[in-house]
Amino acid sequence: MSTITVRGLDERIVRALKLRAAREGRSMEAEVRSILTAAAKGTENDRGFGSFLTTTFAGAGAPEIPARTEFSEPVDLT
């Protein structure tokens, strides 16, 4: 595990972090770790490829697939 030090935080921020941590029932360090982890993973606005495809092709409908009229001869495996 790595350690970071953040200097120069306003006391109001530190107080807000302590209050937020208390509401969540964890230490301020655990709360900051949770906030940083969530921020590093991205936001709900970050979309995956599946979401991109869904948005891009929404309303396009199902593709038209022609009915199959020709069939191969079955293979005799005996």
N, C-alpha and C. Protein backbone atom coordinates (compact mmCIF):
# COMPACT_ATOMS: atom_id res chain seq x y z
N MET A 1 0.84 -1.19 0.00
CA MET A 1 0.00 0.00 0.00
C MET A 1 0.87 1.24 0.00
N SER A 2 0.43 2.23 -0.69
CA SER A 2 1.13 3.50 -0.75
C SER A 2 0.52 4.47 0.26
N THR A 3 1.29 5.46 0.60
CA THR A 3 0.83 6.50 1.51
C THR A 3 0.97 7.84 0.80
N ILE A 4 -0.04 8.69 0.95
CA ILE A 4 0.05 10.04 0.41
C ILE A 4 -0.21 11.03 1.53
N THR A 5 0.34 12.21 1.38
CA THR A 5 0.11 13.30 2.32
C THR A 5 -0.48 14.46 1.55
N VAL A 6 -1.56 15.02 2.06
CA VAL A 6 -2.19 16.16 1.41
C VAL A 6 -2.04 17.35 2.34
N ARG A 7 -1.30 18.33 1.87
CA ARG A 7 -1.07 19.52 2.68
C ARG A 7 -1.96 20.67 2.20
N GLY A 8 -2.21 21.59 3.09
CA GLY A 8 -2.89 22.81 2.72
C GLY A 8 -4.40 22.69 2.59
N LEU A 9 -5.00 21.66 3.19
CA LEU A 9 -6.46 21.57 3.15
C LEU A 9 -7.06 22.59 4.10
N ASP A 10 -8.08 23.25 3.63
CA ASP A 10 -8.80 24.21 4.46
C ASP A 10 -9.45 23.46 5.63
N GLU A 11 -9.48 24.09 6.79
CA GLU A 11 -10.07 23.44 7.98
C GLU A 11 -11.54 23.09 7.76
N ARG A 12 -12.24 23.87 6.94
CA ARG A 12 -13.64 23.56 6.67
C ARG A 12 -13.76 22.24 5.92
N ILE A 13 -12.81 21.97 5.04
CA ILE A 13 -12.81 20.70 4.30
C ILE A 13 -12.55 19.55 5.26
N VAL A 14 -11.57 19.73 6.13
CA VAL A 14 -11.23 18.68 7.09
C VAL A 14 -12.44 18.41 7.98
N ARG A 15 -13.11 19.45 8.44
CA ARG A 15 -14.29 19.30 9.29
C ARG A 15 -15.39 18.57 8.53
N ALA A 16 -15.59 18.94 7.27
CA ALA A 16 -16.62 18.28 6.45
C ALA A 16 -16.29 16.80 6.24
N LEU A 17 -15.02 16.49 6.05
CA LEU A 17 -14.61 15.10 5.89
C LEU A 17 -14.86 14.31 7.17
N LYS A 18 -14.57 14.93 8.31
CA LYS A 18 -14.81 14.25 9.59
C LYS A 18 -16.29 13.99 9.80
N LEU A 19 -17.14 14.97 9.46
CA LEU A 19 -18.58 14.79 9.60
C LEU A 19 -19.10 13.70 8.66
N ARG A 20 -18.62 13.74 7.43
CA ARG A 20 -19.04 12.73 6.45
C ARG A 20 -18.62 11.34 6.90
N ALA A 21 -17.40 11.22 7.42
CA ALA A 21 -16.92 9.93 7.91
C ALA A 21 -17.77 9.44 9.07
N ALA A 22 -18.12 10.34 9.98
CA ALA A 22 -18.95 9.96 11.12
C ALA A 22 -20.32 9.48 10.66
N ARG A 23 -20.90 10.14 9.66
CA ARG A 23 -22.20 9.71 9.12
C ARG A 23 -22.11 8.31 8.53
N GLU A 24 -20.98 8.01 7.93
CA GLU A 24 -20.78 6.70 7.31
C GLU A 24 -20.29 5.65 8.29
N GLY A 25 -19.98 6.08 9.51
CA GLY A 25 -19.53 5.14 10.54
C GLY A 25 -18.12 4.62 10.33
N ARG A 26 -17.26 5.47 9.81
CA ARG A 26 -15.87 5.05 9.60
C ARG A 26 -14.93 6.19 9.92
N SER A 27 -13.65 5.88 9.94
CA SER A 27 -12.64 6.89 10.24
C SER A 27 -12.52 7.87 9.07
N MET A 28 -11.93 9.01 9.35
CA MET A 28 -11.74 9.98 8.27
C MET A 28 -10.82 9.39 7.21
N GLU A 29 -9.81 8.66 7.62
CA GLU A 29 -8.89 8.04 6.67
C GLU A 29 -9.64 7.06 5.76
N ALA A 30 -10.51 6.25 6.34
CA ALA A 30 -11.29 5.30 5.53
C ALA A 30 -12.24 6.04 4.59
N GLU A 31 -12.79 7.15 5.06
CA GLU A 31 -13.70 7.93 4.20
C GLU A 31 -12.95 8.54 3.03
N VAL A 32 -11.78 9.10 3.28
CA VAL A 32 -10.97 9.69 2.21
C VAL A 32 -10.55 8.60 1.22
N ARG A 33 -10.20 7.43 1.75
CA ARG A 33 -9.82 6.31 0.88
C ARG A 33 -11.00 5.94 -0.03
N SER A 34 -12.20 5.89 0.53
CA SER A 34 -13.39 5.57 -0.24
C SER A 34 -13.65 6.62 -1.32
N ILE A 35 -13.52 7.88 -0.97
CA ILE A 35 -13.74 8.96 -1.93
C ILE A 35 -12.73 8.88 -3.07
N LEU A 36 -11.47 8.68 -2.73
CA LEU A 36 -10.43 8.61 -3.77
C LEU A 36 -10.61 7.40 -4.66
N THR A 37 -10.99 6.28 -4.08
CA THR A 37 -11.21 5.06 -4.86
C THR A 37 -12.34 5.26 -5.85
N ALA A 38 -13.45 5.84 -5.39
CA ALA A 38 -14.59 6.09 -6.27
C ALA A 38 -14.22 7.07 -7.38
N ALA A 39 -13.45 8.10 -7.04
CA ALA A 39 -13.06 9.10 -8.04
C ALA A 39 -12.13 8.48 -9.09
N ALA A 40 -11.24 7.60 -8.66
CA ALA A 40 -10.31 6.99 -9.60
C ALA A 40 -11.00 6.00 -10.53
N LYS A 41 -12.07 5.37 -10.05
CA LYS A 41 -12.80 4.41 -10.89
C LYS A 41 -13.62 5.11 -11.95
N GLY A 42 -13.96 6.35 -11.76
CA GLY A 42 -14.75 7.07 -12.75
C GLY A 42 -16.11 7.42 -12.20
N THR A 43 -16.83 8.14 -13.00
CA THR A 43 -18.16 8.57 -12.60
C THR A 43 -19.21 7.81 -13.39
N GLU A 44 -20.46 8.06 -13.06
CA GLU A 44 -21.55 7.42 -13.79
C GLU A 44 -21.59 7.90 -15.23
N ASN A 45 -20.97 9.04 -15.52
CA ASN A 45 -20.94 9.55 -16.89
C ASN A 45 -19.98 8.78 -17.77
N ASP A 46 -19.03 8.07 -17.15
CA ASP A 46 -18.12 7.23 -17.93
C ASP A 46 -18.91 6.02 -18.41
N ARG A 47 -18.92 5.82 -19.72
CA ARG A 47 -19.73 4.74 -20.26
C ARG A 47 -18.83 3.63 -20.78
N GLY A 48 -19.31 2.43 -20.62
CA GLY A 48 -18.63 1.28 -21.18
C GLY A 48 -19.04 1.09 -22.63
N PHE A 49 -18.44 0.12 -23.28
CA PHE A 49 -18.70 -0.12 -24.69
C PHE A 49 -20.14 -0.55 -24.93
N GLY A 50 -20.67 -1.37 -24.03
CA GLY A 50 -22.06 -1.81 -24.17
C GLY A 50 -23.03 -0.64 -24.11
N SER A 51 -22.79 0.29 -23.19
CA SER A 51 -23.64 1.48 -23.09
C SER A 51 -23.52 2.33 -24.35
N PHE A 52 -22.32 2.42 -24.88
CA PHE A 52 -22.10 3.17 -26.12
C PHE A 52 -22.92 2.56 -27.26
N LEU A 53 -22.86 1.23 -27.39
CA LEU A 53 -23.61 0.57 -28.46
C LEU A 53 -25.11 0.74 -28.29
N THR A 54 -25.58 0.61 -27.05
CA THR A 54 -27.01 0.76 -26.79
C THR A 54 -27.49 2.15 -27.19
N THR A 55 -26.73 3.17 -26.81
CA THR A 55 -27.10 4.54 -27.14
C THR A 55 -27.02 4.78 -28.64
N THR A 56 -25.97 4.30 -29.26
CA THR A 56 -25.76 4.54 -30.68
C THR A 56 -26.84 3.90 -31.54
N PHE A 57 -27.24 2.68 -31.20
CA PHE A 57 -28.18 1.96 -32.05
C PHE A 57 -29.59 1.92 -31.48
N ALA A 58 -29.88 2.74 -30.49
CA ALA A 58 -31.24 2.79 -29.93
C ALA A 58 -32.21 3.22 -31.03
N GLY A 59 -33.29 2.52 -31.15
CA GLY A 59 -34.30 2.87 -32.15
C GLY A 59 -34.03 2.31 -33.53
N ALA A 60 -32.89 1.65 -33.71
CA ALA A 60 -32.57 1.10 -35.03
C ALA A 60 -33.43 -0.12 -35.35
N GLY A 61 -33.93 -0.77 -34.32
CA GLY A 61 -34.74 -1.96 -34.53
C GLY A 61 -33.89 -3.17 -34.84
N ALA A 62 -34.56 -4.28 -34.96
CA ALA A 62 -33.85 -5.52 -35.25
C ALA A 62 -33.42 -5.54 -36.71
N PRO A 63 -32.27 -6.15 -37.00
CA PRO A 63 -31.83 -6.22 -38.40
C PRO A 63 -32.76 -7.14 -39.20
N GLU A 64 -32.89 -6.84 -40.48
CA GLU A 64 -33.70 -7.68 -41.36
C GLU A 64 -32.86 -8.87 -41.81
N ILE A 65 -33.29 -10.04 -41.42
CA ILE A 65 -32.58 -11.26 -41.80
C ILE A 65 -33.49 -12.04 -42.73
N PRO A 66 -33.03 -12.28 -43.95
CA PRO A 66 -33.88 -12.99 -44.90
C PRO A 66 -34.12 -14.43 -44.46
N ALA A 67 -35.27 -14.95 -44.82
CA ALA A 67 -35.60 -16.34 -44.48
C ALA A 67 -34.63 -17.27 -45.20
N ARG A 68 -34.27 -18.33 -44.55
CA ARG A 68 -33.35 -19.30 -45.13
C ARG A 68 -34.12 -20.24 -46.04
N THR A 69 -33.70 -20.32 -47.29
CA THR A 69 -34.41 -21.15 -48.26
C THR A 69 -33.57 -22.34 -48.72
N GLU A 70 -32.27 -22.26 -48.58
CA GLU A 70 -31.41 -23.36 -49.01
C GLU A 70 -30.78 -24.00 -47.80
N PHE A 71 -30.80 -25.33 -47.78
CA PHE A 71 -30.23 -26.07 -46.67
C PHE A 71 -29.21 -27.06 -47.18
N SER A 72 -28.19 -27.29 -46.41
CA SER A 72 -27.16 -28.27 -46.79
C SER A 72 -27.71 -29.68 -46.59
N GLU A 73 -27.11 -30.60 -47.31
CA GLU A 73 -27.48 -32.01 -47.14
C GLU A 73 -26.90 -32.50 -45.83
N PRO A 74 -27.64 -33.30 -45.08
CA PRO A 74 -27.10 -33.81 -43.82
C PRO A 74 -25.93 -34.74 -44.07
N VAL A 75 -25.02 -34.79 -43.15
CA VAL A 75 -23.84 -35.63 -43.24
C VAL A 75 -24.14 -36.97 -42.62
N ASP A 76 -23.78 -38.04 -43.34
CA ASP A 76 -23.99 -39.40 -42.80
C ASP A 76 -22.75 -39.79 -42.00
N LEU A 77 -22.89 -39.96 -40.70
CA LEU A 77 -21.76 -40.26 -39.85
C LEU A 77 -21.65 -41.75 -39.52
N THR A 78 -22.41 -42.59 -40.23
CA THR A 78 -22.35 -44.03 -39.96
C THR A 78 -21.35 -44.73 -40.81
